[in-house]
Amino acid sequence: MTPHFRSYVSNLLRIRFAELVDHHATVLRHGRARPSLIVHPLTGLPYPEKADGGEDQPPPHASVR
């Protein structure tokens, strides 16, 4: 693995970790939240915790236009 690619991957992991910490803090404050990162940027696949589609559903009162 080249140093540039290793740095790139480590930066992506830092961003992902920061996103998870922020999401956890938001859930504790507001009770329900959805992380902004849904799809893994390298693979284009949903993160494992999002694969079931549980929290990705809009609230029942949300209007779709």
C-alpha atoms as a PDB file:
ATOM      1  CA  MET A   1       0.000   0.000   0.000  1.00  0.00           C
ATOM      2  CA  THR A   2       1.440   3.357  -0.990  1.00  0.00           C
ATOM      3  CA  PRO A   3       1.881   6.045   1.676  1.00  0.00           C
ATOM      4  CA  HIS A   4      -0.551   8.320  -0.183  1.00  0.00           C
ATOM      5  CA  PHE A   5      -3.285   5.670  -0.234  1.00  0.00           C
ATOM      6  CA  ARG A   6      -2.647   4.771   3.407  1.00  0.00           C
ATOM      7  CA  SER A   7      -3.055   8.442   4.333  1.00  0.00           C
ATOM      8  CA  TYR A   8      -6.240   8.648   2.254  1.00  0.00           C
ATOM      9  CA  VAL A   9      -7.773   5.609   3.954  1.00  0.00           C
ATOM     10  CA  SER A  10      -6.785   6.786   7.430  1.00  0.00           C
ATOM     11  CA  ASN A  11      -8.412  10.175   6.752  1.00  0.00           C
ATOM     12  CA  LEU A  12     -11.607   8.433   5.612  1.00  0.00           C
ATOM     13  CA  LEU A  13     -11.614   6.364   8.796  1.00  0.00           C
ATOM     14  CA  ARG A  14     -11.124   9.494  10.914  1.00  0.00           C
ATOM     15  CA  ILE A  15     -14.081  11.137   9.186  1.00  0.00           C
ATOM     16  CA  ARG A  16     -16.209   8.027   9.693  1.00  0.00           C
ATOM     17  CA  PHE A  17     -15.282   7.867  13.383  1.00  0.00           C
ATOM     18  CA  ALA A  18     -16.084  11.562  13.858  1.00  0.00           C
ATOM     19  CA  GLU A  19     -19.425  11.012  12.109  1.00  0.00           C
ATOM     20  CA  LEU A  20     -20.280   8.103  14.427  1.00  0.00           C
ATOM     21  CA  VAL A  21     -19.357  10.089  17.552  1.00  0.00           C
ATOM     22  CA  ASP A  22     -21.443  13.045  16.358  1.00  0.00           C
ATOM     23  CA  HIS A  23     -24.374  10.770  15.531  1.00  0.00           C
ATOM     24  CA  HIS A  24     -24.200   9.125  18.956  1.00  0.00           C
ATOM     25  CA  ALA A  25     -24.161  12.526  20.676  1.00  0.00           C
ATOM     26  CA  THR A  26     -27.115  13.687  18.562  1.00  0.00           C
ATOM     27  CA  VAL A  27     -29.111  10.561  19.426  1.00  0.00           C
ATOM     28  CA  LEU A  28     -28.437  11.140  23.118  1.00  0.00           C
ATOM     29  CA  ARG A  29     -29.596  14.773  22.837  1.00  0.00           C
ATOM     30  CA  HIS A  30     -32.589  14.370  20.528  1.00  0.00           C
ATOM     31  CA  GLY A  31     -33.611  10.740  20.818  1.00  0.00           C
ATOM     32  CA  ARG A  32     -33.551   9.953  17.099  1.00  0.00           C
ATOM     33  CA  ALA A  33     -31.154  10.988  14.378  1.00  0.00           C
ATOM     34  CA  ARG A  34     -29.795   9.745  11.100  1.00  0.00           C
ATOM     35  CA  PRO A  35     -26.111   9.976  10.136  1.00  0.00           C
ATOM     36  CA  SER A  36     -25.342  11.972   7.014  1.00  0.00           C
ATOM     37  CA  LEU A  37     -22.993   9.304   5.668  1.00  0.00           C
ATOM     38  CA  ILE A  38     -25.134   6.449   4.421  1.00  0.00           C
ATOM     39  CA  VAL A  39     -22.916   4.979   1.687  1.00  0.00           C
ATOM     40  CA  HIS A  40     -19.271   3.930   2.048  1.00  0.00           C
ATOM     41  CA  PRO A  41     -17.279   6.236  -0.290  1.00  0.00           C
ATOM     42  CA  LEU A  42     -14.820   3.560  -1.436  1.00  0.00           C
ATOM     43  CA  THR A  43     -17.282   0.773  -2.227  1.00  0.00           C
ATOM     44  CA  GLY A  44     -20.539   2.614  -2.889  1.00  0.00           C
ATOM     45  CA  LEU A  45     -22.337   0.117  -0.632  1.00  0.00           C
ATOM     46  CA  PRO A  46     -24.373   1.030   2.453  1.00  0.00           C
ATOM     47  CA  TYR A  47     -22.638   0.740   5.789  1.00  0.00           C
ATOM     48  CA  PRO A  48     -23.553  -2.532   7.576  1.00  0.00           C
ATOM     49  CA  GLU A  49     -25.660  -0.778  10.215  1.00  0.00           C
ATOM     50  CA  LYS A  50     -27.649   0.926   7.422  1.00  0.00           C
ATOM     51  CA  ALA A  51     -28.161  -2.184   5.288  1.00  0.00           C
ATOM     52  CA  ASP A  52     -31.425  -3.100   7.001  1.00  0.00           C
ATOM     53  CA  GLY A  53     -32.960   0.301   6.175  1.00  0.00           C
ATOM     54  CA  GLY A  54     -34.323   0.788   9.681  1.00  0.00           C
ATOM     55  CA  GLU A  55     -33.524   4.431  10.375  1.00  0.00           C
ATOM     56  CA  ASP A  56     -33.428   5.514   6.740  1.00  0.00           C
ATOM     57  CA  GLN A  57     -37.221   5.670   6.525  1.00  0.00           C
ATOM     58  CA  PRO A  58     -38.700   9.184   6.757  1.00  0.00           C
ATOM     59  CA  PRO A  59     -40.951   9.942   9.715  1.00  0.00           C
ATOM     60  CA  PRO A  60     -44.640   9.190   9.049  1.00  0.00           C
ATOM     61  CA  HIS A  61     -45.606  12.883   9.011  1.00  0.00           C
ATOM     62  CA  ALA A  62     -42.943  13.856   6.436  1.00  0.00           C
ATOM     63  CA  SER A  63     -44.363  14.835   3.075  1.00  0.00           C
ATOM     64  CA  VAL A  64     -42.677  13.594  -0.074  1.00  0.00           C
ATOM     65  CA  ARG A  65     -42.731  15.918  -3.065  1.00  0.00           C
END
